[in-house]
């Protein structure tokens, strides 16, 4: 047995704005002796040439990013100290990287996958994902979301057959159950909770993935996103739309899963909180 490996996801809603928050949070986890070994970021909102590789390198992390101007963008950040001795730079840390869903013609940067050789264990396939929002069920953007979800499911079947130790992390823009919504009755028929979206989430589970958060008893009204408007966070009027899904092999190793609301209390926060899964590999 090795020490616990912690993987996390966080929609930072602009890495340019929230870089100090990410560095602060990573440092706080180190000080608490619960270091984050891999962090998947969503909504970078910048091009790759402007991504802060040097800042993360100085803090002890290596990054792989897929960005675009103004919108979307995903990254995977890995703690150097958690890596196998041979994996000391980007060339050897991020194996078999994939940007976007193969065969799906889409300019939006929403998927980044790589195999990470953590020390003392077999490599893990990490996928940082930023699912489309969908806007509303009667919009073209919703149809785009459903088509994207179908393409994701098809691709994941292949990924899982090649990588049994796989984790899909990110902002799914889907609250899978009513208990993941602050006032379910007010959201009936709306985006993020529609039957079509929840069915797509269930199909991911049917592939053999497991919602790490629901592997454990959790407090009621546990959310990962709160609207900036109407004092959403203060009232805990949120949703759980950020998830870490684990393959069967990783599910058996998962010893905890949680949401860290602390960064949402900081000045000028992201509207999302980090979600974390702990694996005893």
C-alpha atoms as a PDB file:
ATOM      1  CA  UNK A   1       0.000   0.000   0.000  1.00  0.00           C
ATOM      2  CA  UNK A   2       1.115   3.526  -0.759  1.00  0.00           C
ATOM      3  CA  UNK A   3      -0.042   6.714   0.894  1.00  0.00           C
ATOM      4  CA  UNK A   4      -3.335   8.188  -0.215  1.00  0.00           C
ATOM      5  CA  UNK A   5      -3.378   9.759  -3.680  1.00  0.00           C
ATOM      6  CA  UNK A   6      -5.724  12.740  -3.978  1.00  0.00           C
ATOM      7  CA  UNK A   7      -7.256  13.788  -7.260  1.00  0.00           C
ATOM      8  CA  UNK A   8      -9.454  16.861  -7.612  1.00  0.00           C
ATOM      9  CA  UNK A   9     -11.458  18.963 -10.053  1.00  0.00           C
ATOM     10  CA  UNK A  10     -12.203  22.672  -9.990  1.00  0.00           C
ATOM     11  CA  UNK A  11     -13.961  24.951 -12.431  1.00  0.00           C
ATOM     12  CA  UNK A  12     -11.979  28.119 -11.738  1.00  0.00           C
ATOM     13  CA  UNK A  13     -13.968  30.395 -14.069  1.00  0.00           C
ATOM     14  CA  UNK A  14     -10.800  32.052 -15.472  1.00  0.00           C
ATOM     15  CA  UNK A  15      -7.333  30.907 -14.443  1.00  0.00           C
ATOM     16  CA  UNK A  16      -6.032  34.425 -15.060  1.00  0.00           C
ATOM     17  CA  UNK A  17      -8.324  35.766 -12.340  1.00  0.00           C
ATOM     18  CA  UNK A  18      -8.204  32.740 -10.040  1.00  0.00           C
ATOM     19  CA  UNK A  19      -4.533  31.693 -10.264  1.00  0.00           C
ATOM     20  CA  UNK A  20      -3.802  33.118  -6.768  1.00  0.00           C
ATOM     21  CA  UNK A  21      -6.736  31.092  -5.433  1.00  0.00           C
ATOM     22  CA  UNK A  22      -5.519  27.860  -7.019  1.00  0.00           C
ATOM     23  CA  UNK A  23      -1.992  28.324  -5.687  1.00  0.00           C
ATOM     24  CA  UNK A  24      -3.333  29.302  -2.260  1.00  0.00           C
ATOM     25  CA  UNK A  25      -5.584  26.247  -2.151  1.00  0.00           C
ATOM     26  CA  UNK A  26      -2.850  23.846  -3.231  1.00  0.00           C
ATOM     27  CA  UNK A  27      -0.535  25.301  -0.585  1.00  0.00           C
ATOM     28  CA  UNK A  28      -3.231  25.032   2.091  1.00  0.00           C
ATOM     29  CA  UNK A  29      -3.728  21.360   1.280  1.00  0.00           C
ATOM     30  CA  UNK A  30       0.004  20.765   1.523  1.00  0.00           C
ATOM     31  CA  UNK A  31       0.117  22.454   4.937  1.00  0.00           C
ATOM     32  CA  UNK A  32      -2.841  20.359   6.102  1.00  0.00           C
ATOM     33  CA  UNK A  33      -0.931  17.231   5.032  1.00  0.00           C
ATOM     34  CA  UNK A  34      -3.622  16.421   2.488  1.00  0.00           C
ATOM     35  CA  UNK A  35      -1.720  17.381  -0.678  1.00  0.00           C
ATOM     36  CA  UNK A  36      -3.524  17.321  -4.011  1.00  0.00           C
ATOM     37  CA  UNK A  37      -1.577  15.036  -6.330  1.00  0.00           C
ATOM     38  CA  UNK A  38      -3.526  15.871  -9.488  1.00  0.00           C
ATOM     39  CA  UNK A  39      -5.908  18.750 -10.100  1.00  0.00           C
ATOM     40  CA  UNK A  40      -8.120  18.975 -13.172  1.00  0.00           C
ATOM     41  CA  UNK A  41      -9.143  22.542 -14.011  1.00  0.00           C
ATOM     42  CA  UNK A  42     -12.017  23.754 -16.172  1.00  0.00           C
ATOM     43  CA  UNK A  43     -12.930  27.096 -17.753  1.00  0.00           C
ATOM     44  CA  UNK A  44      -9.390  28.399 -18.153  1.00  0.00           C
ATOM     45  CA  UNK A  45     -10.634  31.135 -20.502  1.00  0.00           C
ATOM     46  CA  UNK A  46      -7.250  31.763 -22.121  1.00  0.00           C
ATOM     47  CA  UNK A  47      -5.053  30.440 -24.896  1.00  0.00           C
ATOM     48  CA  UNK A  48      -2.301  27.936 -24.144  1.00  0.00           C
ATOM     49  CA  UNK A  49       0.487  30.451 -24.733  1.00  0.00           C
ATOM     50  CA  UNK A  50      -0.859  32.496 -21.809  1.00  0.00           C
ATOM     51  CA  UNK A  51      -1.282  29.550 -19.442  1.00  0.00           C
ATOM     52  CA  UNK A  52       0.760  30.008 -16.198  1.00  0.00           C
ATOM     53  CA  UNK A  53       3.068  26.994 -16.547  1.00  0.00           C
ATOM     54  CA  UNK A  54       5.943  28.789 -14.826  1.00  0.00           C
ATOM     55  CA  UNK A  55       3.895  29.728 -11.774  1.00  0.00           C
ATOM     56  CA  UNK A  56       2.763  26.148 -11.246  1.00  0.00           C
ATOM     57  CA  UNK A  57       6.282  24.859 -11.890  1.00  0.00           C
ATOM     58  CA  UNK A  58       7.608  27.173  -9.182  1.00  0.00           C
ATOM     59  CA  UNK A  59       5.004  25.803  -6.785  1.00  0.00           C
ATOM     60  CA  UNK A  60       6.040  22.205  -7.482  1.00  0.00           C
ATOM     61  CA  UNK A  61       3.544  21.198 -10.169  1.00  0.00           C
ATOM     62  CA  UNK A  62       3.645  20.309 -13.858  1.00  0.00           C
ATOM     63  CA  UNK A  63       0.749  21.234 -16.147  1.00  0.00           C
ATOM     64  CA  UNK A  64      -0.782  20.180 -19.416  1.00  0.00           C
ATOM     65  CA  UNK A  65      -3.375  22.578 -20.839  1.00  0.00           C
ATOM     66  CA  UNK A  66      -5.798  22.872 -23.737  1.00  0.00           C
ATOM     67  CA  UNK A  67      -7.064  26.423 -23.964  1.00  0.00           C
ATOM     68  CA  UNK A  68      -8.871  28.897 -26.157  1.00  0.00           C
ATOM     69  CA  UNK A  69      -9.490  32.620 -26.058  1.00  0.00           C
ATOM     70  CA  UNK A  70     -12.221  33.844 -23.683  1.00  0.00           C
ATOM     71  CA  UNK A  71     -14.110  30.551 -23.300  1.00  0.00           C
ATOM     72  CA  UNK A  72     -13.749  26.965 -22.097  1.00  0.00           C
ATOM     73  CA  UNK A  73     -10.287  25.411 -21.678  1.00  0.00           C
ATOM     74  CA  UNK A  74      -9.130  22.522 -19.471  1.00  0.00           C
ATOM     75  CA  UNK A  75      -5.905  21.535 -17.731  1.00  0.00           C
ATOM     76  CA  UNK A  76      -4.322  18.785 -15.648  1.00  0.00           C
ATOM     77  CA  UNK A  77      -1.876  19.794 -12.911  1.00  0.00           C
ATOM     78  CA  UNK A  78       0.288  17.121 -11.269  1.00  0.00           C
ATOM     79  CA  UNK A  79       2.379  17.410  -8.117  1.00  0.00           C
ATOM     80  CA  UNK A  80       5.999  16.549  -8.889  1.00  0.00           C
ATOM     81  CA  UNK A  81       6.515  14.881  -5.515  1.00  0.00           C
ATOM     82  CA  UNK A  82       3.747  12.377  -6.309  1.00  0.00           C
ATOM     83  CA  UNK A  83       5.313  11.169  -9.532  1.00  0.00           C
ATOM     84  CA  UNK A  84       7.444   8.166 -10.271  1.00  0.00           C
ATOM     85  CA  UNK A  85      11.134   9.029 -10.410  1.00  0.00           C
ATOM     86  CA  UNK A  86      11.232   8.832 -14.210  1.00  0.00           C
ATOM     87  CA  UNK A  87       8.351  11.307 -14.607  1.00  0.00           C
ATOM     88  CA  UNK A  88      10.052  14.576 -13.748  1.00  0.00           C
ATOM     89  CA  UNK A  89       9.026  16.754 -16.683  1.00  0.00           C
ATOM     90  CA  UNK A  90       6.027  17.274 -18.917  1.00  0.00           C
ATOM     91  CA  UNK A  91       7.331  14.892 -21.566  1.00  0.00           C
ATOM     92  CA  UNK A  92       7.305  11.929 -19.198  1.00  0.00           C
ATOM     93  CA  UNK A  93       4.490  12.974 -16.843  1.00  0.00           C
ATOM     94  CA  UNK A  94       1.620  13.210 -19.325  1.00  0.00           C
ATOM     95  CA  UNK A  95       1.506  10.003 -21.337  1.00  0.00           C
ATOM     96  CA  UNK A  96      -0.773   9.463 -24.344  1.00  0.00           C
ATOM     97  CA  UNK A  97      -2.424  12.900 -24.124  1.00  0.00           C
ATOM     98  CA  UNK A  98      -5.677  13.529 -25.969  1.00  0.00           C
ATOM     99  CA  UNK A  99      -7.286  16.917 -26.538  1.00  0.00           C
ATOM    100  CA  UNK A 100     -11.009  16.877 -27.289  1.00  0.00           C
ATOM    101  CA  UNK A 101     -13.087  13.839 -28.172  1.00  0.00           C
ATOM    102  CA  UNK A 102     -11.483  11.953 -31.068  1.00  0.00           C
ATOM    103  CA  UNK A 103     -13.693  11.925 -34.142  1.00  0.00           C
ATOM    104  CA  UNK A 104     -15.938  14.668 -32.776  1.00  0.00           C
ATOM    105  CA  UNK A 105     -15.533  17.834 -34.823  1.00  0.00           C
ATOM    106  CA  UNK A 106     -15.558  20.543 -32.151  1.00  0.00           C
ATOM    107  CA  UNK A 107     -13.353  23.611 -31.788  1.00  0.00           C
ATOM    108  CA  UNK A 108     -14.310  24.108 -28.147  1.00  0.00           C
ATOM    109  CA  UNK A 109     -11.623  22.930 -25.735  1.00  0.00           C
ATOM    110  CA  UNK A 110     -13.547  20.719 -23.321  1.00  0.00           C
ATOM    111  CA  UNK A 111     -11.559  17.488 -22.909  1.00  0.00           C
ATOM    112  CA  UNK A 112      -7.994  16.773 -21.877  1.00  0.00           C
ATOM    113  CA  UNK A 113      -6.871  13.237 -21.084  1.00  0.00           C
ATOM    114  CA  UNK A 114      -3.493  11.880 -20.003  1.00  0.00           C
ATOM    115  CA  UNK A 115      -2.032   8.862 -18.238  1.00  0.00           C
ATOM    116  CA  UNK A 116      -0.154   9.847 -15.073  1.00  0.00           C
ATOM    117  CA  UNK A 117       2.643   7.605 -13.675  1.00  0.00           C
ATOM    118  CA  UNK A 118       2.209   8.168  -9.946  1.00  0.00           C
ATOM    119  CA  UNK A 119       4.962   6.787  -7.719  1.00  0.00           C
ATOM    120  CA  UNK A 120       4.505   3.363  -6.154  1.00  0.00           C
ATOM    121  CA  UNK A 121       1.498   2.290  -8.202  1.00  0.00           C
ATOM    122  CA  UNK A 122       0.232   1.620 -11.704  1.00  0.00           C
ATOM    123  CA  UNK A 123      -0.522   4.676 -13.864  1.00  0.00           C
ATOM    124  CA  UNK A 124      -3.946   6.336 -13.775  1.00  0.00           C
ATOM    125  CA  UNK A 125      -5.792   7.737 -16.769  1.00  0.00           C
ATOM    126  CA  UNK A 126      -7.170  11.181 -15.872  1.00  0.00           C
ATOM    127  CA  UNK A 127      -9.715  13.047 -17.977  1.00  0.00           C
ATOM    128  CA  UNK A 128     -10.374  16.716 -17.239  1.00  0.00           C
ATOM    129  CA  UNK A 129     -13.785  17.551 -18.680  1.00  0.00           C
ATOM    130  CA  UNK A 130     -15.861  20.684 -19.080  1.00  0.00           C
ATOM    131  CA  UNK A 131     -19.311  19.593 -20.205  1.00  0.00           C
ATOM    132  CA  UNK A 132     -21.414  22.050 -22.229  1.00  0.00           C
ATOM    133  CA  UNK A 133     -23.901  24.078 -20.220  1.00  0.00           C
ATOM    134  CA  UNK A 134     -26.797  23.641 -22.613  1.00  0.00           C
ATOM    135  CA  UNK A 135     -28.502  26.956 -21.815  1.00  0.00           C
ATOM    136  CA  UNK A 136     -32.109  25.699 -22.016  1.00  0.00           C
ATOM    137  CA  UNK A 137     -33.848  22.550 -23.314  1.00  0.00           C
ATOM    138  CA  UNK A 138     -35.415  24.455 -26.230  1.00  0.00           C
ATOM    139  CA  UNK A 139     -32.116  25.863 -27.502  1.00  0.00           C
ATOM    140  CA  UNK A 140     -29.592  24.794 -30.130  1.00  0.00           C
ATOM    141  CA  UNK A 141     -26.986  24.752 -27.367  1.00  0.00           C
ATOM    142  CA  UNK A 142     -28.933  22.028 -25.597  1.00  0.00           C
ATOM    143  CA  UNK A 143     -28.910  19.875 -28.724  1.00  0.00           C
ATOM    144  CA  UNK A 144     -25.167  20.476 -28.965  1.00  0.00           C
ATOM    145  CA  UNK A 145     -24.835  19.318 -25.353  1.00  0.00           C
ATOM    146  CA  UNK A 146     -26.749  16.090 -25.985  1.00  0.00           C
ATOM    147  CA  UNK A 147     -24.697  15.321 -29.102  1.00  0.00           C
ATOM    148  CA  UNK A 148     -21.490  16.048 -27.182  1.00  0.00           C
ATOM    149  CA  UNK A 149     -22.577  13.750 -24.352  1.00  0.00           C
ATOM    150  CA  UNK A 150     -23.258  10.957 -26.831  1.00  0.00           C
ATOM    151  CA  UNK A 151     -19.823  11.392 -28.416  1.00  0.00           C
ATOM    152  CA  UNK A 152     -18.247  11.367 -24.953  1.00  0.00           C
ATOM    153  CA  UNK A 153     -19.986   8.132 -24.029  1.00  0.00           C
ATOM    154  CA  UNK A 154     -18.837   6.407 -27.220  1.00  0.00           C
ATOM    155  CA  UNK A 155     -15.247   7.530 -26.709  1.00  0.00           C
ATOM    156  CA  UNK A 156     -15.216   6.558 -23.035  1.00  0.00           C
ATOM    157  CA  UNK A 157     -16.107   2.989 -23.919  1.00  0.00           C
ATOM    158  CA  UNK A 158     -12.832   2.801 -25.834  1.00  0.00           C
ATOM    159  CA  UNK A 159     -10.887   4.613 -23.115  1.00  0.00           C
ATOM    160  CA  UNK A 160     -12.143   2.261 -20.415  1.00  0.00           C
ATOM    161  CA  UNK A 161     -11.218  -0.811 -22.431  1.00  0.00           C
ATOM    162  CA  UNK A 162      -7.668   0.528 -22.767  1.00  0.00           C
ATOM    163  CA  UNK A 163      -7.371   2.125 -19.328  1.00  0.00           C
ATOM    164  CA  UNK A 164      -9.111   0.212 -16.538  1.00  0.00           C
ATOM    165  CA  UNK A 165      -7.737   2.684 -13.965  1.00  0.00           C
ATOM    166  CA  UNK A 166      -9.598   5.753 -15.185  1.00  0.00           C
ATOM    167  CA  UNK A 167     -11.099   8.844 -13.565  1.00  0.00           C
ATOM    168  CA  UNK A 168     -13.375  11.376 -15.281  1.00  0.00           C
ATOM    169  CA  UNK A 169     -13.241  14.679 -13.401  1.00  0.00           C
ATOM    170  CA  UNK A 170     -14.769  18.075 -13.974  1.00  0.00           C
ATOM    171  CA  UNK A 171     -17.745  20.337 -14.330  1.00  0.00           C
ATOM    172  CA  UNK A 172     -20.461  18.109 -15.781  1.00  0.00           C
ATOM    173  CA  UNK A 173     -23.182  20.784 -15.787  1.00  0.00           C
ATOM    174  CA  UNK A 174     -25.556  18.022 -14.667  1.00  0.00           C
ATOM    175  CA  UNK A 175     -27.125  17.563 -11.243  1.00  0.00           C
ATOM    176  CA  UNK A 176     -27.812  13.812 -11.391  1.00  0.00           C
ATOM    177  CA  UNK A 177     -30.503  13.606  -8.683  1.00  0.00           C
ATOM    178  CA  UNK A 178     -32.967  15.847  -6.888  1.00  0.00           C
ATOM    179  CA  UNK A 179     -30.828  15.703  -3.745  1.00  0.00           C
ATOM    180  CA  UNK A 180     -28.133  17.467  -5.775  1.00  0.00           C
ATOM    181  CA  UNK A 181     -30.372  20.534  -6.214  1.00  0.00           C
ATOM    182  CA  UNK A 182     -31.262  23.121  -3.577  1.00  0.00           C
ATOM    183  CA  UNK A 183     -34.940  23.393  -4.547  1.00  0.00           C
ATOM    184  CA  UNK A 184     -35.784  20.605  -6.989  1.00  0.00           C
ATOM    185  CA  UNK A 185     -39.389  21.686  -7.500  1.00  0.00           C
ATOM    186  CA  UNK A 186     -38.256  25.033  -8.895  1.00  0.00           C
ATOM    187  CA  UNK A 187     -35.930  23.373 -11.391  1.00  0.00           C
ATOM    188  CA  UNK A 188     -38.294  20.880 -13.001  1.00  0.00           C
ATOM    189  CA  UNK A 189     -37.867  20.902 -16.779  1.00  0.00           C
ATOM    190  CA  UNK A 190     -34.881  23.216 -16.714  1.00  0.00           C
ATOM    191  CA  UNK A 191     -31.329  22.888 -17.928  1.00  0.00           C
ATOM    192  CA  UNK A 192     -28.862  20.911 -15.749  1.00  0.00           C
ATOM    193  CA  UNK A 193     -31.640  18.674 -14.370  1.00  0.00           C
ATOM    194  CA  UNK A 194     -33.608  17.658 -17.466  1.00  0.00           C
ATOM    195  CA  UNK A 195     -34.454  13.972 -17.986  1.00  0.00           C
ATOM    196  CA  UNK A 196     -32.227  13.901 -21.077  1.00  0.00           C
ATOM    197  CA  UNK A 197     -29.184  15.156 -19.159  1.00  0.00           C
ATOM    198  CA  UNK A 198     -29.765  12.884 -16.200  1.00  0.00           C
ATOM    199  CA  UNK A 199     -30.186   9.955 -18.559  1.00  0.00           C
ATOM    200  CA  UNK A 200     -26.843  10.822 -20.166  1.00  0.00           C
ATOM    201  CA  UNK A 201     -25.229  10.873 -16.712  1.00  0.00           C
ATOM    202  CA  UNK A 202     -26.799   7.483 -15.953  1.00  0.00           C
ATOM    203  CA  UNK A 203     -25.365   6.122 -19.196  1.00  0.00           C
ATOM    204  CA  UNK A 204     -21.895   7.119 -18.031  1.00  0.00           C
ATOM    205  CA  UNK A 205     -22.528   5.149 -14.861  1.00  0.00           C
ATOM    206  CA  UNK A 206     -23.711   2.213 -16.979  1.00  0.00           C
ATOM    207  CA  UNK A 207     -20.315   2.180 -18.688  1.00  0.00           C
ATOM    208  CA  UNK A 208     -18.860   1.054 -15.361  1.00  0.00           C
ATOM    209  CA  UNK A 209     -18.079   4.418 -13.793  1.00  0.00           C
ATOM    210  CA  UNK A 210     -18.979   5.289 -10.202  1.00  0.00           C
ATOM    211  CA  UNK A 211     -19.868   8.638  -8.615  1.00  0.00           C
ATOM    212  CA  UNK A 212     -17.145   8.894  -5.959  1.00  0.00           C
ATOM    213  CA  UNK A 213     -19.150  11.327  -3.825  1.00  0.00           C
ATOM    214  CA  UNK A 214     -22.027   8.881  -3.455  1.00  0.00           C
ATOM    215  CA  UNK A 215     -19.781   6.035  -2.362  1.00  0.00           C
ATOM    216  CA  UNK A 216     -19.939   7.547   1.135  1.00  0.00           C
ATOM    217  CA  UNK A 217     -22.498   9.001   3.518  1.00  0.00           C
ATOM    218  CA  UNK A 218     -22.694  12.735   2.876  1.00  0.00           C
ATOM    219  CA  UNK A 219     -24.366  15.640   4.587  1.00  0.00           C
ATOM    220  CA  UNK A 220     -27.621  16.786   2.963  1.00  0.00           C
ATOM    221  CA  UNK A 221     -27.592  19.889   0.778  1.00  0.00           C
ATOM    222  CA  UNK A 222     -23.981  19.290  -0.305  1.00  0.00           C
ATOM    223  CA  UNK A 223     -23.314  21.366  -3.409  1.00  0.00           C
ATOM    224  CA  UNK A 224     -20.332  22.369  -5.569  1.00  0.00           C
ATOM    225  CA  UNK A 225     -21.760  25.375  -7.434  1.00  0.00           C
ATOM    226  CA  UNK A 226     -23.656  28.458  -6.297  1.00  0.00           C
ATOM    227  CA  UNK A 227     -24.928  31.291  -8.486  1.00  0.00           C
ATOM    228  CA  UNK A 228     -23.256  34.638  -7.898  1.00  0.00           C
ATOM    229  CA  UNK A 229     -26.694  36.234  -7.866  1.00  0.00           C
ATOM    230  CA  UNK A 230     -29.299  36.383  -5.093  1.00  0.00           C
ATOM    231  CA  UNK A 231     -26.759  35.530  -2.370  1.00  0.00           C
ATOM    232  CA  UNK A 232     -26.691  31.974  -3.659  1.00  0.00           C
ATOM    233  CA  UNK A 233     -23.719  30.851  -1.602  1.00  0.00           C
ATOM    234  CA  UNK A 234     -24.853  32.543   1.600  1.00  0.00           C
ATOM    235  CA  UNK A 235     -28.220  30.806   1.319  1.00  0.00           C
ATOM    236  CA  UNK A 236     -26.599  27.534   0.168  1.00  0.00           C
ATOM    237  CA  UNK A 237     -28.833  27.723  -2.891  1.00  0.00           C
ATOM    238  CA  UNK A 238     -26.549  25.554  -4.985  1.00  0.00           C
ATOM    239  CA  UNK A 239     -26.187  22.419  -7.053  1.00  0.00           C
ATOM    240  CA  UNK A 240     -23.794  19.498  -7.179  1.00  0.00           C
ATOM    241  CA  UNK A 241     -22.682  19.597 -10.807  1.00  0.00           C
ATOM    242  CA  UNK A 242     -18.934  18.941 -10.359  1.00  0.00           C
ATOM    243  CA  UNK A 243     -18.099  15.257 -10.200  1.00  0.00           C
ATOM    244  CA  UNK A 244     -15.358  12.663 -10.047  1.00  0.00           C
ATOM    245  CA  UNK A 245     -16.376   9.393 -11.684  1.00  0.00           C
ATOM    246  CA  UNK A 246     -14.153   6.398 -11.080  1.00  0.00           C
ATOM    247  CA  UNK A 247     -13.728   3.143 -12.950  1.00  0.00           C
ATOM    248  CA  UNK A 248     -14.362  -0.053 -11.004  1.00  0.00           C
ATOM    249  CA  UNK A 249     -10.656  -0.540 -10.299  1.00  0.00           C
ATOM    250  CA  UNK A 250     -10.360   2.945  -8.769  1.00  0.00           C
ATOM    251  CA  UNK A 251     -13.700   2.712  -6.968  1.00  0.00           C
ATOM    252  CA  UNK A 252     -12.290  -0.195  -4.967  1.00  0.00           C
ATOM    253  CA  UNK A 253      -9.415   2.074  -3.869  1.00  0.00           C
ATOM    254  CA  UNK A 254     -11.493   5.150  -2.987  1.00  0.00           C
ATOM    255  CA  UNK A 255     -11.476   5.908   0.729  1.00  0.00           C
ATOM    256  CA  UNK A 256     -13.084   9.372   0.766  1.00  0.00           C
ATOM    257  CA  UNK A 257     -14.744  11.976  -1.435  1.00  0.00           C
ATOM    258  CA  UNK A 258     -15.585  15.531  -0.479  1.00  0.00           C
ATOM    259  CA  UNK A 259     -16.356  19.087  -1.556  1.00  0.00           C
ATOM    260  CA  UNK A 260     -14.158  21.875  -0.176  1.00  0.00           C
ATOM    261  CA  UNK A 261     -16.356  24.960   0.174  1.00  0.00           C
ATOM    262  CA  UNK A 262     -13.611  27.096   1.737  1.00  0.00           C
ATOM    263  CA  UNK A 263     -12.353  28.705  -1.528  1.00  0.00           C
ATOM    264  CA  UNK A 264     -15.900  29.830  -2.306  1.00  0.00           C
ATOM    265  CA  UNK A 265     -15.681  32.104   0.771  1.00  0.00           C
ATOM    266  CA  UNK A 266     -12.603  33.935  -0.539  1.00  0.00           C
ATOM    267  CA  UNK A 267     -12.688  37.332  -2.164  1.00  0.00           C
ATOM    268  CA  UNK A 268     -13.636  37.271  -5.870  1.00  0.00           C
ATOM    269  CA  UNK A 269     -14.133  33.484  -5.914  1.00  0.00           C
ATOM    270  CA  UNK A 270     -15.061  31.099  -8.654  1.00  0.00           C
ATOM    271  CA  UNK A 271     -18.719  30.122  -8.482  1.00  0.00           C
ATOM    272  CA  UNK A 272     -17.559  26.501  -8.134  1.00  0.00           C
ATOM    273  CA  UNK A 273     -15.780  24.722  -5.279  1.00  0.00           C
ATOM    274  CA  UNK A 274     -13.118  22.023  -5.648  1.00  0.00           C
ATOM    275  CA  UNK A 275     -14.196  18.390  -5.417  1.00  0.00           C
ATOM    276  CA  UNK A 276     -11.739  15.759  -4.188  1.00  0.00           C
ATOM    277  CA  UNK A 277     -11.460  11.971  -4.204  1.00  0.00           C
ATOM    278  CA  UNK A 278      -8.893  10.109  -2.091  1.00  0.00           C
ATOM    279  CA  UNK A 279      -7.484   6.829  -3.373  1.00  0.00           C
ATOM    280  CA  UNK A 280      -5.450   4.312  -1.414  1.00  0.00           C
ATOM    281  CA  UNK A 281      -3.667   2.655  -4.317  1.00  0.00           C
END
